[in-house]
């Protein structure tokens, strides 16, 4: 855990006009908005709904990605960009990642 560290990009976005977050159990399969992996029925995930820039949106995030985001992105984030932002940060530190990878095996 990095404490109060944040590796996010400096996004110039307003937060949501309003949002509701909760941890729920999947009754059917969903895709994580961050890693795009399937959230299986019975698994718990974060469900967020709200209004951003005049649009109502919902985001479903697996708990592994939520934990990563909570640990690394304390200064803010844009849903759906977690792994792109992590990759960008690693590259800004001189650590080469494989841009062709669609999974995050380069983290290993």
N, C-alpha and C. Protein backbone atom coordinates (compact mmCIF):
# COMPACT_ATOMS: atom_id res chain seq x y z
N UNK A 1 0.84 -1.17 0.00
CA UNK A 1 0.00 0.00 0.00
C UNK A 1 0.88 1.23 0.00
N UNK A 2 0.51 2.21 -0.79
CA UNK A 2 1.34 3.37 -0.97
C UNK A 2 0.94 4.53 -0.05
N UNK A 3 -0.06 4.35 0.80
CA UNK A 3 -0.45 5.44 1.68
C UNK A 3 -1.17 6.52 0.89
N UNK A 4 -0.72 7.78 1.05
CA UNK A 4 -1.36 8.89 0.37
C UNK A 4 -0.77 9.15 -1.01
N UNK A 5 0.06 8.26 -1.50
CA UNK A 5 0.66 8.44 -2.81
C UNK A 5 -0.41 8.34 -3.89
N UNK A 6 -0.15 9.05 -4.97
CA UNK A 6 -1.07 9.00 -6.09
C UNK A 6 -0.27 9.01 -7.37
N UNK A 7 -0.61 8.10 -8.28
CA UNK A 7 0.11 8.03 -9.54
C UNK A 7 -0.76 8.50 -10.70
N UNK A 8 -1.92 9.07 -10.42
CA UNK A 8 -2.83 9.42 -11.50
C UNK A 8 -2.34 10.61 -12.31
N UNK A 9 -2.91 10.70 -13.51
CA UNK A 9 -2.67 11.88 -14.33
C UNK A 9 -3.40 13.05 -13.69
N UNK A 10 -3.00 14.23 -14.04
CA UNK A 10 -3.64 15.43 -13.50
C UNK A 10 -4.86 15.75 -14.35
N UNK A 11 -5.98 15.09 -14.02
CA UNK A 11 -7.20 15.27 -14.79
C UNK A 11 -7.85 16.59 -14.43
N UNK A 12 -8.30 17.28 -15.44
CA UNK A 12 -9.01 18.55 -15.25
C UNK A 12 -10.50 18.30 -15.47
N UNK A 13 -11.06 17.47 -14.61
CA UNK A 13 -12.47 17.13 -14.72
C UNK A 13 -13.16 17.44 -13.40
N UNK A 14 -14.39 17.90 -13.52
CA UNK A 14 -15.20 18.04 -12.33
C UNK A 14 -15.66 16.66 -11.91
N UNK A 15 -15.91 16.52 -10.63
CA UNK A 15 -16.47 15.27 -10.15
C UNK A 15 -17.92 15.16 -10.58
N UNK A 16 -18.58 14.13 -10.15
CA UNK A 16 -19.98 13.96 -10.53
C UNK A 16 -20.87 15.01 -9.86
N UNK A 17 -21.96 15.33 -10.53
CA UNK A 17 -22.97 16.19 -9.91
C UNK A 17 -23.54 15.49 -8.68
N UNK A 18 -23.74 14.18 -8.83
CA UNK A 18 -24.09 13.32 -7.70
C UNK A 18 -23.72 11.90 -8.08
N UNK A 19 -23.47 11.07 -7.08
CA UNK A 19 -23.14 9.67 -7.33
C UNK A 19 -23.50 8.84 -6.12
N UNK A 20 -23.83 7.59 -6.37
CA UNK A 20 -24.13 6.64 -5.33
C UNK A 20 -23.22 5.44 -5.53
N UNK A 21 -22.45 5.08 -4.51
CA UNK A 21 -21.54 3.93 -4.60
C UNK A 21 -21.98 2.89 -3.59
N UNK A 22 -21.87 1.64 -4.01
CA UNK A 22 -22.13 0.56 -3.06
C UNK A 22 -21.49 -0.72 -3.56
N UNK A 23 -21.23 -1.61 -2.63
CA UNK A 23 -20.72 -2.94 -2.96
C UNK A 23 -21.92 -3.87 -3.02
N UNK A 24 -22.04 -4.56 -4.14
CA UNK A 24 -23.18 -5.46 -4.34
C UNK A 24 -22.69 -6.82 -4.80
N UNK A 25 -23.58 -7.79 -4.76
CA UNK A 25 -23.27 -9.14 -5.25
C UNK A 25 -23.93 -9.31 -6.61
N UNK A 26 -23.16 -9.78 -7.58
CA UNK A 26 -23.68 -9.94 -8.94
C UNK A 26 -24.72 -11.05 -9.00
N UNK A 27 -25.84 -10.74 -9.61
CA UNK A 27 -26.86 -11.76 -9.86
C UNK A 27 -26.73 -12.32 -11.27
N UNK A 28 -26.01 -11.58 -12.10
CA UNK A 28 -25.72 -12.03 -13.47
C UNK A 28 -24.31 -11.55 -13.81
N UNK A 29 -23.79 -12.01 -14.92
CA UNK A 29 -22.43 -11.63 -15.33
C UNK A 29 -22.39 -10.16 -15.77
N UNK A 30 -21.30 -9.49 -15.42
CA UNK A 30 -21.05 -8.10 -15.82
C UNK A 30 -19.59 -8.01 -16.24
N UNK A 31 -19.21 -6.94 -16.90
CA UNK A 31 -17.81 -6.66 -17.24
C UNK A 31 -17.31 -5.55 -16.33
N UNK A 32 -16.11 -5.73 -15.79
CA UNK A 32 -15.47 -4.69 -15.00
C UNK A 32 -15.12 -3.53 -15.94
N UNK A 33 -15.44 -2.31 -15.55
CA UNK A 33 -15.17 -1.15 -16.40
C UNK A 33 -13.69 -0.84 -16.48
N UNK A 34 -12.87 -1.45 -15.63
CA UNK A 34 -11.43 -1.17 -15.63
C UNK A 34 -10.65 -2.26 -16.37
N UNK A 35 -10.74 -3.50 -15.90
CA UNK A 35 -9.94 -4.57 -16.50
C UNK A 35 -10.69 -5.32 -17.61
N UNK A 36 -11.97 -5.07 -17.74
CA UNK A 36 -12.84 -5.68 -18.75
C UNK A 36 -13.04 -7.18 -18.55
N UNK A 37 -12.58 -7.71 -17.41
CA UNK A 37 -12.81 -9.13 -17.13
C UNK A 37 -14.23 -9.30 -16.60
N UNK A 38 -14.70 -10.54 -16.72
CA UNK A 38 -16.07 -10.82 -16.30
C UNK A 38 -16.19 -10.87 -14.78
N UNK A 39 -17.21 -10.23 -14.28
CA UNK A 39 -17.62 -10.34 -12.88
C UNK A 39 -18.68 -11.43 -12.88
N UNK A 40 -18.36 -12.54 -12.26
CA UNK A 40 -19.23 -13.72 -12.29
C UNK A 40 -20.40 -13.56 -11.31
N UNK A 41 -21.53 -14.22 -11.60
CA UNK A 41 -22.63 -14.23 -10.64
C UNK A 41 -22.14 -14.73 -9.27
N UNK A 42 -22.54 -14.06 -8.23
CA UNK A 42 -22.12 -14.40 -6.87
C UNK A 42 -20.93 -13.60 -6.38
N UNK A 43 -20.15 -13.01 -7.31
CA UNK A 43 -19.01 -12.18 -6.90
C UNK A 43 -19.49 -10.80 -6.47
N UNK A 44 -18.76 -10.23 -5.54
CA UNK A 44 -19.07 -8.87 -5.10
C UNK A 44 -18.30 -7.89 -5.98
N UNK A 45 -18.89 -6.72 -6.22
CA UNK A 45 -18.26 -5.69 -7.03
C UNK A 45 -18.78 -4.32 -6.59
N UNK A 46 -18.08 -3.28 -7.02
CA UNK A 46 -18.53 -1.92 -6.73
C UNK A 46 -19.47 -1.47 -7.85
N UNK A 47 -20.62 -0.94 -7.45
CA UNK A 47 -21.60 -0.40 -8.39
C UNK A 47 -21.70 1.09 -8.10
N UNK A 48 -21.43 1.91 -9.11
CA UNK A 48 -21.51 3.37 -8.95
C UNK A 48 -22.44 3.89 -10.03
N UNK A 49 -23.39 4.71 -9.63
CA UNK A 49 -24.27 5.38 -10.59
C UNK A 49 -24.32 6.85 -10.22
N UNK A 50 -24.45 7.69 -11.22
CA UNK A 50 -24.50 9.12 -10.96
C UNK A 50 -24.60 9.91 -12.24
N UNK A 51 -24.34 11.22 -12.10
CA UNK A 51 -24.45 12.13 -13.23
C UNK A 51 -23.13 12.88 -13.39
N UNK A 52 -22.49 12.71 -14.54
CA UNK A 52 -21.23 13.38 -14.87
C UNK A 52 -21.46 14.19 -16.14
N UNK A 53 -21.09 15.45 -16.10
CA UNK A 53 -21.17 16.32 -17.29
C UNK A 53 -22.54 16.24 -17.97
N UNK A 54 -23.60 16.18 -17.16
CA UNK A 54 -24.95 16.16 -17.71
C UNK A 54 -25.45 14.80 -18.15
N UNK A 55 -24.63 13.75 -18.01
CA UNK A 55 -25.01 12.40 -18.45
C UNK A 55 -25.10 11.46 -17.26
N UNK A 56 -26.17 10.66 -17.22
CA UNK A 56 -26.29 9.62 -16.21
C UNK A 56 -25.46 8.43 -16.66
N UNK A 57 -24.65 7.90 -15.75
CA UNK A 57 -23.79 6.77 -16.09
C UNK A 57 -23.73 5.79 -14.92
N UNK A 58 -23.38 4.55 -15.23
CA UNK A 58 -23.13 3.55 -14.21
C UNK A 58 -21.79 2.89 -14.50
N UNK A 59 -21.11 2.48 -13.43
CA UNK A 59 -19.81 1.83 -13.55
C UNK A 59 -19.79 0.63 -12.62
N UNK A 60 -19.32 -0.49 -13.13
CA UNK A 60 -19.20 -1.72 -12.34
C UNK A 60 -17.73 -2.09 -12.31
N UNK A 61 -17.17 -2.18 -11.11
CA UNK A 61 -15.74 -2.41 -10.95
C UNK A 61 -15.51 -3.62 -10.07
N UNK A 62 -14.70 -4.57 -10.55
CA UNK A 62 -14.37 -5.73 -9.72
C UNK A 62 -13.59 -5.24 -8.49
N UNK A 63 -13.62 -6.01 -7.43
CA UNK A 63 -12.99 -5.55 -6.18
C UNK A 63 -11.48 -5.49 -6.28
N UNK A 64 -10.85 -6.30 -7.15
CA UNK A 64 -9.39 -6.20 -7.34
C UNK A 64 -9.03 -4.84 -7.94
N UNK A 65 -9.76 -4.42 -8.97
CA UNK A 65 -9.49 -3.11 -9.58
C UNK A 65 -9.85 -1.98 -8.62
N UNK A 66 -10.92 -2.13 -7.87
CA UNK A 66 -11.30 -1.10 -6.90
C UNK A 66 -10.19 -0.92 -5.87
N UNK A 67 -9.65 -2.03 -5.37
CA UNK A 67 -8.57 -1.95 -4.39
C UNK A 67 -7.35 -1.26 -4.99
N UNK A 68 -7.00 -1.63 -6.21
CA UNK A 68 -5.86 -1.00 -6.88
C UNK A 68 -6.11 0.50 -7.04
N UNK A 69 -7.27 0.86 -7.52
CA UNK A 69 -7.62 2.28 -7.71
C UNK A 69 -7.59 3.03 -6.38
N UNK A 70 -8.17 2.45 -5.34
CA UNK A 70 -8.18 3.10 -4.03
C UNK A 70 -6.78 3.29 -3.48
N UNK A 71 -5.88 2.34 -3.78
CA UNK A 71 -4.52 2.40 -3.27
C UNK A 71 -3.64 3.38 -4.04
N UNK A 72 -3.85 3.50 -5.34
CA UNK A 72 -2.93 4.26 -6.18
C UNK A 72 -3.47 5.59 -6.70
N UNK A 73 -4.77 5.77 -6.69
CA UNK A 73 -5.36 6.92 -7.36
C UNK A 73 -6.10 7.85 -6.38
N UNK A 74 -5.51 8.12 -5.25
CA UNK A 74 -6.19 8.90 -4.23
C UNK A 74 -6.49 10.33 -4.65
N UNK A 75 -5.78 10.85 -5.64
CA UNK A 75 -6.00 12.24 -6.05
C UNK A 75 -7.07 12.37 -7.14
N UNK A 76 -7.58 11.27 -7.62
CA UNK A 76 -8.65 11.32 -8.62
C UNK A 76 -8.39 10.37 -9.76
N UNK A 77 -9.45 10.06 -10.49
CA UNK A 77 -9.35 9.13 -11.61
C UNK A 77 -10.54 9.34 -12.53
N UNK A 78 -10.44 8.73 -13.68
CA UNK A 78 -11.54 8.67 -14.64
C UNK A 78 -11.87 7.19 -14.80
N UNK A 79 -13.13 6.83 -14.61
CA UNK A 79 -13.53 5.43 -14.75
C UNK A 79 -13.14 4.91 -16.12
N UNK A 80 -12.62 3.69 -16.14
CA UNK A 80 -12.25 3.03 -17.38
C UNK A 80 -10.80 3.29 -17.80
N UNK A 81 -10.06 4.09 -17.06
CA UNK A 81 -8.68 4.42 -17.43
C UNK A 81 -7.65 3.92 -16.42
N UNK A 82 -8.06 3.14 -15.44
CA UNK A 82 -7.15 2.72 -14.37
C UNK A 82 -5.87 2.13 -14.92
N UNK A 83 -5.97 1.10 -15.73
CA UNK A 83 -4.77 0.39 -16.17
C UNK A 83 -3.96 1.20 -17.18
N UNK A 84 -4.62 2.03 -17.95
CA UNK A 84 -3.89 2.93 -18.84
C UNK A 84 -3.08 3.94 -18.03
N UNK A 85 -3.67 4.46 -16.96
CA UNK A 85 -2.96 5.40 -16.09
C UNK A 85 -1.80 4.73 -15.36
N UNK A 86 -2.00 3.49 -14.91
CA UNK A 86 -0.91 2.76 -14.25
C UNK A 86 0.22 2.54 -15.25
N UNK A 87 -0.12 2.11 -16.45
CA UNK A 87 0.88 1.89 -17.50
C UNK A 87 1.62 3.20 -17.80
N UNK A 88 0.90 4.31 -17.94
CA UNK A 88 1.53 5.61 -18.22
C UNK A 88 2.50 6.00 -17.10
N UNK A 89 2.11 5.74 -15.85
CA UNK A 89 2.98 6.09 -14.73
C UNK A 89 4.26 5.26 -14.77
N UNK A 90 4.13 3.96 -15.00
CA UNK A 90 5.32 3.11 -15.08
C UNK A 90 6.25 3.60 -16.17
N UNK A 91 5.69 3.92 -17.32
CA UNK A 91 6.53 4.40 -18.43
C UNK A 91 7.17 5.74 -18.11
N UNK A 92 6.47 6.61 -17.37
CA UNK A 92 7.06 7.90 -16.97
C UNK A 92 8.23 7.70 -16.01
N UNK A 93 8.28 6.53 -15.36
CA UNK A 93 9.38 6.20 -14.45
C UNK A 93 10.50 5.43 -15.16
N UNK A 94 10.37 5.29 -16.48
CA UNK A 94 11.39 4.59 -17.26
C UNK A 94 11.24 3.09 -17.28
N UNK A 95 10.10 2.59 -16.83
CA UNK A 95 9.84 1.15 -16.81
C UNK A 95 9.04 0.81 -18.05
N UNK A 96 9.61 0.00 -18.93
CA UNK A 96 8.98 -0.34 -20.20
C UNK A 96 7.84 -1.32 -19.98
N UNK A 97 6.73 -1.04 -20.63
CA UNK A 97 5.59 -1.95 -20.64
C UNK A 97 5.36 -2.37 -22.08
N UNK A 98 4.67 -3.47 -22.27
CA UNK A 98 4.38 -3.94 -23.61
C UNK A 98 3.05 -3.34 -24.06
N UNK A 99 3.11 -2.35 -24.94
CA UNK A 99 1.91 -1.65 -25.39
C UNK A 99 0.93 -2.55 -26.13
N UNK A 100 1.41 -3.68 -26.62
CA UNK A 100 0.54 -4.58 -27.37
C UNK A 100 -0.28 -5.48 -26.45
N UNK A 101 0.13 -5.59 -25.18
CA UNK A 101 -0.61 -6.43 -24.23
C UNK A 101 -1.97 -5.83 -23.93
N UNK A 102 -3.00 -6.65 -24.01
CA UNK A 102 -4.31 -6.18 -23.61
C UNK A 102 -4.56 -6.54 -22.16
N UNK A 103 -3.81 -7.49 -21.64
CA UNK A 103 -3.91 -7.78 -20.20
C UNK A 103 -2.77 -7.05 -19.50
N UNK A 104 -2.66 -7.23 -18.26
CA UNK A 104 -1.65 -6.51 -17.50
C UNK A 104 -0.52 -7.45 -17.05
N UNK A 105 -0.16 -8.43 -17.88
CA UNK A 105 0.89 -9.37 -17.54
C UNK A 105 2.24 -8.67 -17.38
N UNK A 106 2.42 -7.50 -17.96
CA UNK A 106 3.66 -6.74 -17.83
C UNK A 106 3.90 -6.32 -16.38
N UNK A 107 2.85 -6.30 -15.56
CA UNK A 107 3.02 -5.94 -14.14
C UNK A 107 3.79 -7.01 -13.39
N UNK A 108 3.72 -8.26 -13.87
CA UNK A 108 4.39 -9.36 -13.18
C UNK A 108 5.89 -9.23 -13.34
